[in-house]
Amino acid sequence: MLSATTLMWLLMAATVFVGIPFTLWWWKQADKWADAEHKRFKAPEDTRERIVVRTPGTDQQGKDGTP
């Protein structure tokens, strides 16, 4: 018959040796699912015009020569 201490150590070892590989396998499956979802639902392209607001006193001329 196993003592309580031996049983405790066996259960802890089983948890480590089974739990860690299972967790890594689960994350791998979750990554596959997430990749499929990203392919299925693509982010919409942002086509809004960009406006840059500069603070007063800075150089108002851009690099391309436009004011």
C-alpha atoms as a PDB file:
ATOM      1  CA  MET A   1       0.000   0.000   0.000  1.00  0.00           C
ATOM      2  CA  LEU A   2       1.271   3.469  -0.875  1.00  0.00           C
ATOM      3  CA  SER A   3       1.778   5.992   1.860  1.00  0.00           C
ATOM      4  CA  ALA A   4       0.144   9.412   1.628  1.00  0.00           C
ATOM      5  CA  THR A   5       3.450  11.140   0.945  1.00  0.00           C
ATOM      6  CA  THR A   6       4.356   8.752  -1.885  1.00  0.00           C
ATOM      7  CA  LEU A   7       0.903   9.145  -3.412  1.00  0.00           C
ATOM      8  CA  MET A   8       1.224  12.932  -3.170  1.00  0.00           C
ATOM      9  CA  TRP A   9       4.566  12.900  -5.015  1.00  0.00           C
ATOM     10  CA  LEU A  10       3.257  10.530  -7.676  1.00  0.00           C
ATOM     11  CA  LEU A  11       0.241  12.737  -8.319  1.00  0.00           C
ATOM     12  CA  MET A  12       2.410  15.867  -8.510  1.00  0.00           C
ATOM     13  CA  ALA A  13       4.779  14.169 -10.956  1.00  0.00           C
ATOM     14  CA  ALA A  14       1.878  12.924 -13.076  1.00  0.00           C
ATOM     15  CA  THR A  15       0.415  16.427 -13.142  1.00  0.00           C
ATOM     16  CA  VAL A  16       3.720  17.902 -14.322  1.00  0.00           C
ATOM     17  CA  PHE A  17       4.524  15.212 -16.887  1.00  0.00           C
ATOM     18  CA  VAL A  18       1.011  15.094 -18.324  1.00  0.00           C
ATOM     19  CA  GLY A  19      -0.102  18.685 -17.737  1.00  0.00           C
ATOM     20  CA  ILE A  20       2.763  20.516 -19.425  1.00  0.00           C
ATOM     21  CA  PRO A  21       2.653  18.591 -22.737  1.00  0.00           C
ATOM     22  CA  PHE A  22      -1.153  18.805 -22.740  1.00  0.00           C
ATOM     23  CA  THR A  23      -0.994  22.585 -22.227  1.00  0.00           C
ATOM     24  CA  LEU A  24       1.510  23.000 -25.059  1.00  0.00           C
ATOM     25  CA  TRP A  25      -0.627  20.823 -27.345  1.00  0.00           C
ATOM     26  CA  TRP A  26      -3.713  22.881 -26.407  1.00  0.00           C
ATOM     27  CA  TRP A  27      -1.936  26.147 -27.250  1.00  0.00           C
ATOM     28  CA  LYS A  28      -0.901  24.698 -30.628  1.00  0.00           C
ATOM     29  CA  GLN A  29      -4.520  23.824 -31.392  1.00  0.00           C
ATOM     30  CA  ALA A  30      -5.653  27.290 -30.266  1.00  0.00           C
ATOM     31  CA  ASP A  31      -3.078  28.920 -32.573  1.00  0.00           C
ATOM     32  CA  LYS A  32      -4.397  26.902 -35.510  1.00  0.00           C
ATOM     33  CA  TRP A  33      -7.926  28.027 -34.692  1.00  0.00           C
ATOM     34  CA  ALA A  34      -6.850  31.679 -34.320  1.00  0.00           C
ATOM     35  CA  ASP A  35      -4.969  31.606 -37.640  1.00  0.00           C
ATOM     36  CA  ALA A  36      -8.054  30.244 -39.370  1.00  0.00           C
ATOM     37  CA  GLU A  37     -10.198  32.984 -37.817  1.00  0.00           C
ATOM     38  CA  HIS A  38      -7.745  35.691 -38.904  1.00  0.00           C
ATOM     39  CA  LYS A  39      -7.887  34.395 -42.481  1.00  0.00           C
ATOM     40  CA  ARG A  40     -11.670  34.261 -42.342  1.00  0.00           C
ATOM     41  CA  PHE A  41     -12.231  37.732 -40.887  1.00  0.00           C
ATOM     42  CA  LYS A  42      -9.699  40.144 -42.349  1.00  0.00           C
ATOM     43  CA  ALA A  43      -9.400  43.635 -40.904  1.00  0.00           C
ATOM     44  CA  PRO A  44     -10.905  46.310 -43.163  1.00  0.00           C
ATOM     45  CA  GLU A  45      -8.413  48.541 -44.934  1.00  0.00           C
ATOM     46  CA  ASP A  46      -8.251  52.052 -43.542  1.00  0.00           C
ATOM     47  CA  THR A  47      -8.535  54.493 -46.472  1.00  0.00           C
ATOM     48  CA  ARG A  48      -9.040  57.683 -44.471  1.00  0.00           C
ATOM     49  CA  GLU A  49      -6.948  60.691 -45.403  1.00  0.00           C
ATOM     50  CA  ARG A  50      -4.163  61.421 -42.947  1.00  0.00           C
ATOM     51  CA  ILE A  51      -3.899  64.962 -41.599  1.00  0.00           C
ATOM     52  CA  VAL A  52      -0.864  66.111 -39.642  1.00  0.00           C
ATOM     53  CA  VAL A  53      -1.403  68.959 -37.186  1.00  0.00           C
ATOM     54  CA  ARG A  54       1.788  70.735 -36.228  1.00  0.00           C
ATOM     55  CA  THR A  55       2.309  72.974 -33.239  1.00  0.00           C
ATOM     56  CA  PRO A  56       2.894  76.696 -33.808  1.00  0.00           C
ATOM     57  CA  GLY A  57       6.520  77.727 -34.175  1.00  0.00           C
ATOM     58  CA  THR A  58       7.671  74.573 -35.960  1.00  0.00           C
ATOM     59  CA  ASP A  59       8.974  74.523 -39.489  1.00  0.00           C
ATOM     60  CA  GLN A  60       5.840  74.674 -41.658  1.00  0.00           C
ATOM     61  CA  GLN A  61       7.582  73.517 -44.828  1.00  0.00           C
ATOM     62  CA  GLY A  62       7.569  69.798 -45.500  1.00  0.00           C
ATOM     63  CA  LYS A  63      10.437  67.756 -46.890  1.00  0.00           C
ATOM     64  CA  ASP A  64       8.930  67.820 -50.367  1.00  0.00           C
ATOM     65  CA  GLY A  65       8.820  71.652 -50.381  1.00  0.00           C
ATOM     66  CA  THR A  66       5.078  72.060 -49.820  1.00  0.00           C
ATOM     67  CA  PRO A  67       3.986  74.577 -47.186  1.00  0.00           C
END
